[in-house]
């Protein structure tokens, strides 16, 4: 099973993915998604 964790933010949103197999956990990937500059309403639309 793959598990996605999300750390929400208005300018930067982080994410991480792990994989579980029984009692074993394995790191898959992680990163962040950055929104462009601008006012809050414009960023929320994108």
PDB file of N, CA and C in Angstrom:
ATOM      1  N   UNK A   1       0.837  -1.156   0.000  1.00  0.00           N
ATOM      2  CA  UNK A   1       0.000   0.000   0.000  1.00  0.00           C
ATOM      3  C   UNK A   1       0.892   1.232   0.000  1.00  0.00           C
ATOM      4  N   UNK A   2       0.548   2.218  -0.810  1.00  0.00           N
ATOM      5  CA  UNK A   2       1.272   3.492  -0.799  1.00  0.00           C
ATOM      6  C   UNK A   2       0.474   4.515  -0.011  1.00  0.00           C
ATOM      7  N   UNK A   3       1.173   5.315   0.768  1.00  0.00           N
ATOM      8  CA  UNK A   3       0.547   6.313   1.626  1.00  0.00           C
ATOM      9  C   UNK A   3       1.102   7.675   1.250  1.00  0.00           C
ATOM     10  N   UNK A   4       0.201   8.620   0.983  1.00  0.00           N
ATOM     11  CA  UNK A   4       0.566   9.984   0.615  1.00  0.00           C
ATOM     12  C   UNK A   4       0.275  10.897   1.789  1.00  0.00           C
ATOM     13  N   UNK A   5       1.289  11.633   2.228  1.00  0.00           N
ATOM     14  CA  UNK A   5       1.118  12.641   3.272  1.00  0.00           C
ATOM     15  C   UNK A   5       1.252  14.014   2.650  1.00  0.00           C
ATOM     16  N   UNK A   6       0.373  14.935   3.040  1.00  0.00           N
ATOM     17  CA  UNK A   6       0.376  16.283   2.472  1.00  0.00           C
ATOM     18  C   UNK A   6       0.460  17.301   3.598  1.00  0.00           C
ATOM     19  N   UNK A   7       1.364  18.262   3.450  1.00  0.00           N
ATOM     20  CA  UNK A   7       1.506  19.380   4.383  1.00  0.00           C
ATOM     21  C   UNK A   7       1.031  20.625   3.642  1.00  0.00           C
ATOM     22  N   UNK A   8      -0.243  21.026   3.807  1.00  0.00           N
ATOM     23  CA  UNK A   8      -0.786  22.129   3.014  1.00  0.00           C
ATOM     24  C   UNK A   8      -0.199  23.482   3.418  1.00  0.00           C
ATOM     25  N   UNK A   9      -0.114  24.342   2.448  1.00  0.00           N
ATOM     26  CA  UNK A   9       0.348  25.699   2.684  1.00  0.00           C
ATOM     27  C   UNK A   9      -0.146  26.604   1.580  1.00  0.00           C
ATOM     28  N   UNK A  10      -0.115  27.906   1.809  1.00  0.00           N
ATOM     29  CA  UNK A  10      -0.597  28.847   0.798  1.00  0.00           C
ATOM     30  C   UNK A  10       0.465  29.162  -0.252  1.00  0.00           C
ATOM     31  N   UNK A  11       1.744  29.106   0.115  1.00  0.00           N
ATOM     32  CA  UNK A  11       2.810  29.369  -0.854  1.00  0.00           C
ATOM     33  C   UNK A  11       3.573  28.101  -1.216  1.00  0.00           C
ATOM     34  N   UNK A  12       3.778  27.227  -0.245  1.00  0.00           N
ATOM     35  CA  UNK A  12       4.509  25.979  -0.476  1.00  0.00           C
ATOM     36  C   UNK A  12       3.709  24.831   0.141  1.00  0.00           C
ATOM     37  N   UNK A  13       3.449  23.797  -0.644  1.00  0.00           N
ATOM     38  CA  UNK A  13       2.762  22.597  -0.165  1.00  0.00           C
ATOM     39  C   UNK A  13       3.735  21.429  -0.250  1.00  0.00           C
ATOM     40  N   UNK A  14       3.953  20.775   0.869  1.00  0.00           N
ATOM     41  CA  UNK A  14       4.868  19.642   0.899  1.00  0.00           C
ATOM     42  C   UNK A  14       4.125  18.325   0.784  1.00  0.00           C
ATOM     43  N   UNK A  15       4.833  17.311   0.290  1.00  0.00           N
ATOM     44  CA  UNK A  15       4.240  15.980   0.186  1.00  0.00           C
ATOM     45  C   UNK A  15       5.307  14.922   0.429  1.00  0.00           C
ATOM     46  N   UNK A  16       4.852  13.763   0.849  1.00  0.00           N
ATOM     47  CA  UNK A  16       5.734  12.623   1.039  1.00  0.00           C
ATOM     48  C   UNK A  16       4.979  11.345   0.741  1.00  0.00           C
ATOM     49  N   UNK A  17       5.679  10.363   0.191  1.00  0.00           N
ATOM     50  CA  UNK A  17       5.067   9.073  -0.130  1.00  0.00           C
ATOM     51  C   UNK A  17       5.910   7.971   0.503  1.00  0.00           C
ATOM     52  N   UNK A  18       5.235   7.080   1.227  1.00  0.00           N
ATOM     53  CA  UNK A  18       5.882   5.885   1.757  1.00  0.00           C
ATOM     54  C   UNK A  18       5.095   4.669   1.289  1.00  0.00           C
ATOM     55  N   UNK A  19       5.747   3.529   1.334  1.00  0.00           N
ATOM     56  CA  UNK A  19       5.102   2.282   0.937  1.00  0.00           C
ATOM     57  C   UNK A  19       5.173   1.323   2.121  1.00  0.00           C
ATOM     58  N   UNK A  20       4.059   0.676   2.422  1.00  0.00           N
ATOM     59  CA  UNK A  20       4.047  -0.290   3.522  1.00  0.00           C
ATOM     60  C   UNK A  20       3.813  -1.693   2.984  1.00  0.00           C
ATOM     61  N   UNK A  21       4.523  -2.619   3.598  1.00  0.00           N
ATOM     62  CA  UNK A  21       4.371  -4.034   3.271  1.00  0.00           C
ATOM     63  C   UNK A  21       4.458  -4.785   4.594  1.00  0.00           C
ATOM     64  N   UNK A  22       3.306  -5.143   5.148  1.00  0.00           N
ATOM     65  CA  UNK A  22       3.292  -5.744   6.479  1.00  0.00           C
ATOM     66  C   UNK A  22       3.735  -4.710   7.496  1.00  0.00           C
ATOM     67  N   UNK A  23       4.759  -5.051   8.288  1.00  0.00           N
ATOM     68  CA  UNK A  23       5.281  -4.122   9.288  1.00  0.00           C
ATOM     69  C   UNK A  23       6.410  -3.259   8.732  1.00  0.00           C
ATOM     70  N   UNK A  24       6.791  -3.458   7.478  1.00  0.00           N
ATOM     71  CA  UNK A  24       7.891  -2.718   6.849  1.00  0.00           C
ATOM     72  C   UNK A  24       7.382  -1.415   6.228  1.00  0.00           C
ATOM     73  N   UNK A  25       8.125  -0.336   6.410  1.00  0.00           N
ATOM     74  CA  UNK A  25       7.841   0.941   5.755  1.00  0.00           C
ATOM     75  C   UNK A  25       9.038   1.317   4.903  1.00  0.00           C
ATOM     76  N   UNK A  26       8.784   1.839   3.704  1.00  0.00           N
ATOM     77  CA  UNK A  26       9.868   2.223   2.798  1.00  0.00           C
ATOM     78  C   UNK A  26       9.581   3.603   2.226  1.00  0.00           C
ATOM     79  N   UNK A  27      10.583   4.480   2.292  1.00  0.00           N
ATOM     80  CA  UNK A  27      10.487   5.814   1.709  1.00  0.00           C
ATOM     81  C   UNK A  27      10.423   5.687   0.188  1.00  0.00           C
ATOM     82  N   UNK A  28       9.496   6.427  -0.451  1.00  0.00           N
ATOM     83  CA  UNK A  28       9.381   6.420  -1.904  1.00  0.00           C
ATOM     84  C   UNK A  28       9.851   7.754  -2.470  1.00  0.00           C
ATOM     85  N   UNK A  29       9.228   8.850  -2.069  1.00  0.00           N
ATOM     86  CA  UNK A  29       9.615  10.166  -2.567  1.00  0.00           C
ATOM     87  C   UNK A  29       9.016  11.255  -1.692  1.00  0.00           C
ATOM     88  N   UNK A  30       9.521  12.476  -1.854  1.00  0.00           N
ATOM     89  CA  UNK A  30       8.957  13.640  -1.172  1.00  0.00           C
ATOM     90  C   UNK A  30       9.344  14.878  -1.965  1.00  0.00           C
ATOM     91  N   UNK A  31       8.664  15.957  -1.689  1.00  0.00           N
ATOM     92  CA  UNK A  31       8.980  17.192  -2.389  1.00  0.00           C
ATOM     93  C   UNK A  31       8.020  18.293  -2.010  1.00  0.00           C
ATOM     94  N   UNK A  32       8.021  19.345  -2.818  1.00  0.00           N
ATOM     95  CA  UNK A  32       7.122  20.457  -2.551  1.00  0.00           C
ATOM     96  C   UNK A  32       6.637  21.060  -3.864  1.00  0.00           C
ATOM     97  N   UNK A  33       5.480  21.688  -3.767  1.00  0.00           N
ATOM     98  CA  UNK A  33       4.876  22.389  -4.894  1.00  0.00           C
ATOM     99  C   UNK A  33       4.751  23.842  -4.470  1.00  0.00           C
ATOM    100  N   UNK A  34       5.341  24.743  -5.250  1.00  0.00           N
ATOM    101  CA  UNK A  34       5.328  26.166  -4.911  1.00  0.00           C
ATOM    102  C   UNK A  34       4.370  26.909  -5.829  1.00  0.00           C
ATOM    103  N   UNK A  35       3.573  27.786  -5.242  1.00  0.00           N
ATOM    104  CA  UNK A  35       2.694  28.619  -6.060  1.00  0.00           C
ATOM    105  C   UNK A  35       3.440  29.899  -6.427  1.00  0.00           C
ATOM    106  N   UNK A  36       3.006  30.526  -7.487  1.00  0.00           N
ATOM    107  CA  UNK A  36       3.656  31.748  -7.945  1.00  0.00           C
ATOM    108  C   UNK A  36       3.383  32.920  -7.017  1.00  0.00           C
ATOM    109  N   UNK A  37       4.070  33.993  -7.281  1.00  0.00           N
ATOM    110  CA  UNK A  37       3.868  35.209  -6.501  1.00  0.00           C
ATOM    111  C   UNK A  37       2.529  35.830  -6.880  1.00  0.00           C
ATOM    112  N   UNK A  38       2.011  36.626  -6.009  1.00  0.00           N
ATOM    113  CA  UNK A  38       0.746  37.301  -6.270  1.00  0.00           C
ATOM    114  C   UNK A  38      -0.100  37.331  -5.016  1.00  0.00           C
ATOM    115  N   UNK A  39      -1.259  37.939  -5.145  1.00  0.00           N
ATOM    116  CA  UNK A  39      -2.130  38.010  -3.981  1.00  0.00           C
ATOM    117  C   UNK A  39      -2.787  36.655  -3.722  1.00  0.00           C
ATOM    118  N   UNK A  40      -3.350  36.503  -2.553  1.00  0.00           N
ATOM    119  CA  UNK A  40      -3.906  35.222  -2.124  1.00  0.00           C
ATOM    120  C   UNK A  40      -5.007  34.727  -3.055  1.00  0.00           C
ATOM    121  N   UNK A  41      -5.909  35.588  -3.474  1.00  0.00           N
ATOM    122  CA  UNK A  41      -7.016  35.173  -4.342  1.00  0.00           C
ATOM    123  C   UNK A  41      -6.503  34.600  -5.662  1.00  0.00           C
ATOM    124  N   UNK A  42      -5.491  35.216  -6.235  1.00  0.00           N
ATOM    125  CA  UNK A  42      -4.923  34.739  -7.498  1.00  0.00           C
ATOM    126  C   UNK A  42      -4.250  33.384  -7.311  1.00  0.00           C
ATOM    127  N   UNK A  43      -3.510  33.213  -6.217  1.00  0.00           N
ATOM    128  CA  UNK A  43      -2.832  31.937  -5.953  1.00  0.00           C
ATOM    129  C   UNK A  43      -3.832  30.821  -5.716  1.00  0.00           C
ATOM    130  N   UNK A  44      -4.937  31.105  -5.037  1.00  0.00           N
ATOM    131  CA  UNK A  44      -5.936  30.070  -4.769  1.00  0.00           C
ATOM    132  C   UNK A  44      -6.637  29.626  -6.042  1.00  0.00           C
ATOM    133  N   UNK A  45      -6.750  30.497  -7.030  1.00  0.00           N
ATOM    134  CA  UNK A  45      -7.377  30.140  -8.305  1.00  0.00           C
ATOM    135  C   UNK A  45      -6.513  29.185  -9.111  1.00  0.00           C
ATOM    136  N   UNK A  46      -5.188  29.237  -8.921  1.00  0.00           N
ATOM    137  CA  UNK A  46      -4.284  28.433  -9.752  1.00  0.00           C
ATOM    138  C   UNK A  46      -4.146  27.048  -9.311  1.00  0.00           C
TER     139      UNK A  46
END
